[in-house]
Amino acid sequence: MDSRPAEEALLGSEVEYPVPYLCRMHRTSTKIFLLFFLLGGVIWVGGGIARMVVGYSVFIPGTLEWNTAQSDQARLQTIWLFTLLGGWTGWSSLVATIGGLGAMYSLRGLFRQHGWLLMSAILLVLVLPFSTAFARTRGFCTRRL
């Protein structure tokens, strides 16, 4: 039930309602940053899972021996797919990072009122160096074959 008519009846028509706390969410830049963050994060996580599944099928589990059930052509196709997914995972992590940092900057005024936003921002800032280091050593940035 809406209590506005009762308040207006008691206080008159000059009742001022507080500005909704999501007013910063209506900015175009905030929406774009959140879109980048969500799409990049979904592709990042989904690509990582798909990459693990593809990598699992190349080797015999627990060893570094080729899976003999695959032919050479299937193995090359699987390795090509693993490499392709690595590119998608890497670029989507960059897009998610840019979107997350931009959303943090544009929503920084809401941190005091909504502590969970601040805790999410702190978690993102703490995770970024580790995920970047992991990507550089084992992920899409390696130049080893």
C-alpha atoms as a PDB file:
ATOM      1  CA  MET A   1       0.000   0.000   0.000  1.00  0.00           C
ATOM      2  CA  ASP A   2       1.131   3.478  -0.757  1.00  0.00           C
ATOM      3  CA  SER A   3       1.110   5.841   2.216  1.00  0.00           C
ATOM      4  CA  ARG A   4       1.534   8.996   0.161  1.00  0.00           C
ATOM      5  CA  PRO A   5      -2.140  10.053   0.094  1.00  0.00           C
ATOM      6  CA  ALA A   6      -2.349   9.693   3.883  1.00  0.00           C
ATOM      7  CA  GLU A   7       0.798  11.800   4.332  1.00  0.00           C
ATOM      8  CA  GLU A   8      -0.488  14.420   1.936  1.00  0.00           C
ATOM      9  CA  ALA A   9      -3.791  14.547   3.789  1.00  0.00           C
ATOM     10  CA  LEU A  10      -1.984  15.066   7.092  1.00  0.00           C
ATOM     11  CA  LEU A  11       0.780  17.413   5.961  1.00  0.00           C
ATOM     12  CA  GLY A  12      -0.753  19.092   2.949  1.00  0.00           C
ATOM     13  CA  SER A  13       0.378  18.979  -0.665  1.00  0.00           C
ATOM     14  CA  GLU A  14       3.824  20.410   0.112  1.00  0.00           C
ATOM     15  CA  VAL A  15       5.309  17.068   1.118  1.00  0.00           C
ATOM     16  CA  GLU A  16       8.795  16.638  -0.316  1.00  0.00           C
ATOM     17  CA  TYR A  17       9.812  13.085  -0.967  1.00  0.00           C
ATOM     18  CA  PRO A  18      13.490  12.209  -0.682  1.00  0.00           C
ATOM     19  CA  VAL A  19      15.393  11.747  -3.888  1.00  0.00           C
ATOM     20  CA  PRO A  20      15.664   8.040  -4.582  1.00  0.00           C
ATOM     21  CA  TYR A  21      19.087   6.681  -3.773  1.00  0.00           C
ATOM     22  CA  LEU A  22      19.350   5.152  -7.229  1.00  0.00           C
ATOM     23  CA  CYS A  23      19.367   8.526  -8.975  1.00  0.00           C
ATOM     24  CA  ARG A  24      23.003   7.972  -9.927  1.00  0.00           C
ATOM     25  CA  MET A  25      21.945   4.707 -11.526  1.00  0.00           C
ATOM     26  CA  HIS A  26      19.937   6.621 -14.121  1.00  0.00           C
ATOM     27  CA  ARG A  27      23.001   8.239 -15.654  1.00  0.00           C
ATOM     28  CA  THR A  28      23.985   6.868 -19.029  1.00  0.00           C
ATOM     29  CA  SER A  29      27.635   6.518 -18.068  1.00  0.00           C
ATOM     30  CA  THR A  30      26.753   4.447 -14.997  1.00  0.00           C
ATOM     31  CA  LYS A  31      24.520   2.171 -17.045  1.00  0.00           C
ATOM     32  CA  ILE A  32      27.271   1.674 -19.632  1.00  0.00           C
ATOM     33  CA  PHE A  33      29.868   0.869 -16.951  1.00  0.00           C
ATOM     34  CA  LEU A  34      27.510  -1.596 -15.275  1.00  0.00           C
ATOM     35  CA  LEU A  35      26.753  -3.195 -18.654  1.00  0.00           C
ATOM     36  CA  PHE A  36      30.488  -3.622 -19.316  1.00  0.00           C
ATOM     37  CA  PHE A  37      30.988  -5.034 -15.828  1.00  0.00           C
ATOM     38  CA  LEU A  38      28.152  -7.545 -16.107  1.00  0.00           C
ATOM     39  CA  LEU A  39      28.792  -8.695 -19.668  1.00  0.00           C
ATOM     40  CA  GLY A  40      32.542  -8.873 -19.145  1.00  0.00           C
ATOM     41  CA  GLY A  41      32.100 -10.784 -15.900  1.00  0.00           C
ATOM     42  CA  VAL A  42      29.668 -13.291 -17.398  1.00  0.00           C
ATOM     43  CA  ILE A  43      31.893 -13.952 -20.417  1.00  0.00           C
ATOM     44  CA  TRP A  44      34.959 -14.106 -18.159  1.00  0.00           C
ATOM     45  CA  VAL A  45      33.479 -16.724 -15.830  1.00  0.00           C
ATOM     46  CA  GLY A  46      31.756 -18.668 -18.612  1.00  0.00           C
ATOM     47  CA  GLY A  47      34.865 -18.645 -20.796  1.00  0.00           C
ATOM     48  CA  GLY A  48      36.974 -19.818 -17.880  1.00  0.00           C
ATOM     49  CA  ILE A  49      34.639 -22.742 -17.224  1.00  0.00           C
ATOM     50  CA  ALA A  50      34.506 -23.659 -20.922  1.00  0.00           C
ATOM     51  CA  ARG A  51      38.290 -23.418 -21.102  1.00  0.00           C
ATOM     52  CA  MET A  52      38.648 -25.796 -18.176  1.00  0.00           C
ATOM     53  CA  VAL A  53      36.305 -28.294 -19.811  1.00  0.00           C
ATOM     54  CA  VAL A  54      38.186 -28.125 -23.118  1.00  0.00           C
ATOM     55  CA  GLY A  55      41.557 -28.441 -21.393  1.00  0.00           C
ATOM     56  CA  TYR A  56      40.297 -31.409 -19.395  1.00  0.00           C
ATOM     57  CA  SER A  57      39.455 -33.276 -22.604  1.00  0.00           C
ATOM     58  CA  VAL A  58      42.954 -32.894 -24.125  1.00  0.00           C
ATOM     59  CA  PHE A  59      44.901 -34.767 -21.434  1.00  0.00           C
ATOM     60  CA  ILE A  60      44.283 -37.878 -19.392  1.00  0.00           C
ATOM     61  CA  PRO A  61      43.079 -36.528 -16.024  1.00  0.00           C
ATOM     62  CA  GLY A  62      45.871 -36.238 -13.472  1.00  0.00           C
ATOM     63  CA  THR A  63      48.688 -36.662 -15.997  1.00  0.00           C
ATOM     64  CA  LEU A  64      50.327 -34.739 -18.800  1.00  0.00           C
ATOM     65  CA  GLU A  65      49.761 -37.502 -21.354  1.00  0.00           C
ATOM     66  CA  TRP A  66      47.629 -36.943 -24.435  1.00  0.00           C
ATOM     67  CA  ASN A  67      44.178 -38.440 -24.460  1.00  0.00           C
ATOM     68  CA  THR A  68      44.489 -41.351 -26.902  1.00  0.00           C
ATOM     69  CA  ALA A  69      40.753 -41.382 -27.578  1.00  0.00           C
ATOM     70  CA  GLN A  70      41.167 -38.251 -29.727  1.00  0.00           C
ATOM     71  CA  SER A  71      42.588 -38.240 -33.207  1.00  0.00           C
ATOM     72  CA  ASP A  72      45.304 -35.744 -34.113  1.00  0.00           C
ATOM     73  CA  GLN A  73      42.821 -33.546 -35.979  1.00  0.00           C
ATOM     74  CA  ALA A  74      40.438 -33.488 -33.018  1.00  0.00           C
ATOM     75  CA  ARG A  75      43.327 -32.688 -30.684  1.00  0.00           C
ATOM     76  CA  LEU A  76      44.443 -29.765 -32.871  1.00  0.00           C
ATOM     77  CA  GLN A  77      40.862 -28.486 -32.999  1.00  0.00           C
ATOM     78  CA  THR A  78      40.626 -28.767 -29.220  1.00  0.00           C
ATOM     79  CA  ILE A  79      43.878 -26.854 -28.723  1.00  0.00           C
ATOM     80  CA  TRP A  80      42.699 -24.179 -31.173  1.00  0.00           C
ATOM     81  CA  LEU A  81      39.443 -23.863 -29.208  1.00  0.00           C
ATOM     82  CA  PHE A  82      41.388 -23.650 -25.933  1.00  0.00           C
ATOM     83  CA  THR A  83      43.479 -20.814 -27.377  1.00  0.00           C
ATOM     84  CA  LEU A  84      40.421 -19.002 -28.714  1.00  0.00           C
ATOM     85  CA  LEU A  85      38.681 -19.230 -25.363  1.00  0.00           C
ATOM     86  CA  GLY A  86      41.819 -17.847 -23.705  1.00  0.00           C
ATOM     87  CA  GLY A  87      41.525 -14.701 -25.808  1.00  0.00           C
ATOM     88  CA  TRP A  88      37.837 -14.299 -24.962  1.00  0.00           C
ATOM     89  CA  THR A  89      38.585 -14.823 -21.288  1.00  0.00           C
ATOM     90  CA  GLY A  90      41.418 -12.303 -21.284  1.00  0.00           C
ATOM     91  CA  TRP A  91      39.598  -9.532 -23.104  1.00  0.00           C
ATOM     92  CA  SER A  92      36.416 -10.028 -21.107  1.00  0.00           C
ATOM     93  CA  SER A  93      38.385  -9.731 -17.868  1.00  0.00           C
ATOM     94  CA  LEU A  94      39.729  -6.402 -19.106  1.00  0.00           C
ATOM     95  CA  VAL A  95      36.209  -5.217 -20.005  1.00  0.00           C
ATOM     96  CA  ALA A  96      34.889  -6.340 -16.608  1.00  0.00           C
ATOM     97  CA  THR A  97      37.737  -4.515 -14.856  1.00  0.00           C
ATOM     98  CA  ILE A  98      37.117  -1.266 -16.736  1.00  0.00           C
ATOM     99  CA  GLY A  99      33.376  -1.546 -16.114  1.00  0.00           C
ATOM    100  CA  GLY A 100      33.862  -2.295 -12.424  1.00  0.00           C
ATOM    101  CA  LEU A 101      36.267   0.576 -11.846  1.00  0.00           C
ATOM    102  CA  GLY A 102      34.043   2.980 -13.779  1.00  0.00           C
ATOM    103  CA  ALA A 103      30.964   1.869 -11.843  1.00  0.00           C
ATOM    104  CA  MET A 104      32.882   2.294  -8.581  1.00  0.00           C
ATOM    105  CA  TYR A 105      33.817   5.835  -9.549  1.00  0.00           C
ATOM    106  CA  SER A 106      30.336   6.826 -10.660  1.00  0.00           C
ATOM    107  CA  LEU A 107      28.585   5.231  -7.652  1.00  0.00           C
ATOM    108  CA  ARG A 108      31.079   6.389  -5.025  1.00  0.00           C
ATOM    109  CA  GLY A 109      28.516   8.727  -3.439  1.00  0.00           C
ATOM    110  CA  LEU A 110      26.363   5.754  -2.451  1.00  0.00           C
ATOM    111  CA  PHE A 111      29.102   4.030  -0.445  1.00  0.00           C
ATOM    112  CA  ARG A 112      28.196   5.798   2.797  1.00  0.00           C
ATOM    113  CA  GLN A 113      24.498   4.939   2.583  1.00  0.00           C
ATOM    114  CA  HIS A 114      24.940   1.393   1.297  1.00  0.00           C
ATOM    115  CA  GLY A 115      27.876  -0.374   2.879  1.00  0.00           C
ATOM    116  CA  TRP A 116      27.548  -3.454   0.683  1.00  0.00           C
ATOM    117  CA  LEU A 117      28.564  -1.352  -2.329  1.00  0.00           C
ATOM    118  CA  LEU A 118      31.722  -0.292  -0.518  1.00  0.00           C
ATOM    119  CA  MET A 119      32.513  -3.877   0.464  1.00  0.00           C
ATOM    120  CA  SER A 120      31.978  -5.014  -3.142  1.00  0.00           C
ATOM    121  CA  ALA A 121      34.313  -2.290  -4.375  1.00  0.00           C
ATOM    122  CA  ILE A 122      36.973  -3.284  -1.820  1.00  0.00           C
ATOM    123  CA  LEU A 123      36.650  -6.927  -2.878  1.00  0.00           C
ATOM    124  CA  LEU A 124      37.071  -5.975  -6.544  1.00  0.00           C
ATOM    125  CA  VAL A 125      40.153  -3.883  -5.784  1.00  0.00           C
ATOM    126  CA  LEU A 126      41.668  -6.732  -3.738  1.00  0.00           C
ATOM    127  CA  VAL A 127      40.985  -9.371  -6.410  1.00  0.00           C
ATOM    128  CA  LEU A 128      42.301  -7.396  -9.405  1.00  0.00           C
ATOM    129  CA  PRO A 129      46.052  -7.675  -8.708  1.00  0.00           C
ATOM    130  CA  PHE A 130      45.836 -11.421  -8.109  1.00  0.00           C
ATOM    131  CA  SER A 131      43.745 -12.100 -11.191  1.00  0.00           C
ATOM    132  CA  THR A 132      46.082  -9.957 -13.287  1.00  0.00           C
ATOM    133  CA  ALA A 133      49.141 -11.782 -11.979  1.00  0.00           C
ATOM    134  CA  PHE A 134      47.480 -15.135 -12.614  1.00  0.00           C
ATOM    135  CA  ALA A 135      46.537 -14.125 -16.161  1.00  0.00           C
ATOM    136  CA  ARG A 136      50.075 -12.971 -16.889  1.00  0.00           C
ATOM    137  CA  THR A 137      51.736 -16.131 -15.615  1.00  0.00           C
ATOM    138  CA  ARG A 138      49.288 -18.837 -16.646  1.00  0.00           C
ATOM    139  CA  GLY A 139      46.637 -17.243 -18.753  1.00  0.00           C
ATOM    140  CA  PHE A 140      46.269 -15.578 -22.107  1.00  0.00           C
ATOM    141  CA  CYS A 141      49.407 -13.407 -21.910  1.00  0.00           C
ATOM    142  CA  THR A 142      51.981 -16.174 -21.916  1.00  0.00           C
ATOM    143  CA  ARG A 143      54.253 -16.582 -24.896  1.00  0.00           C
ATOM    144  CA  ARG A 144      55.343 -20.109 -24.129  1.00  0.00           C
ATOM    145  CA  LEU A 145      54.114 -22.994 -26.214  1.00  0.00           C
END
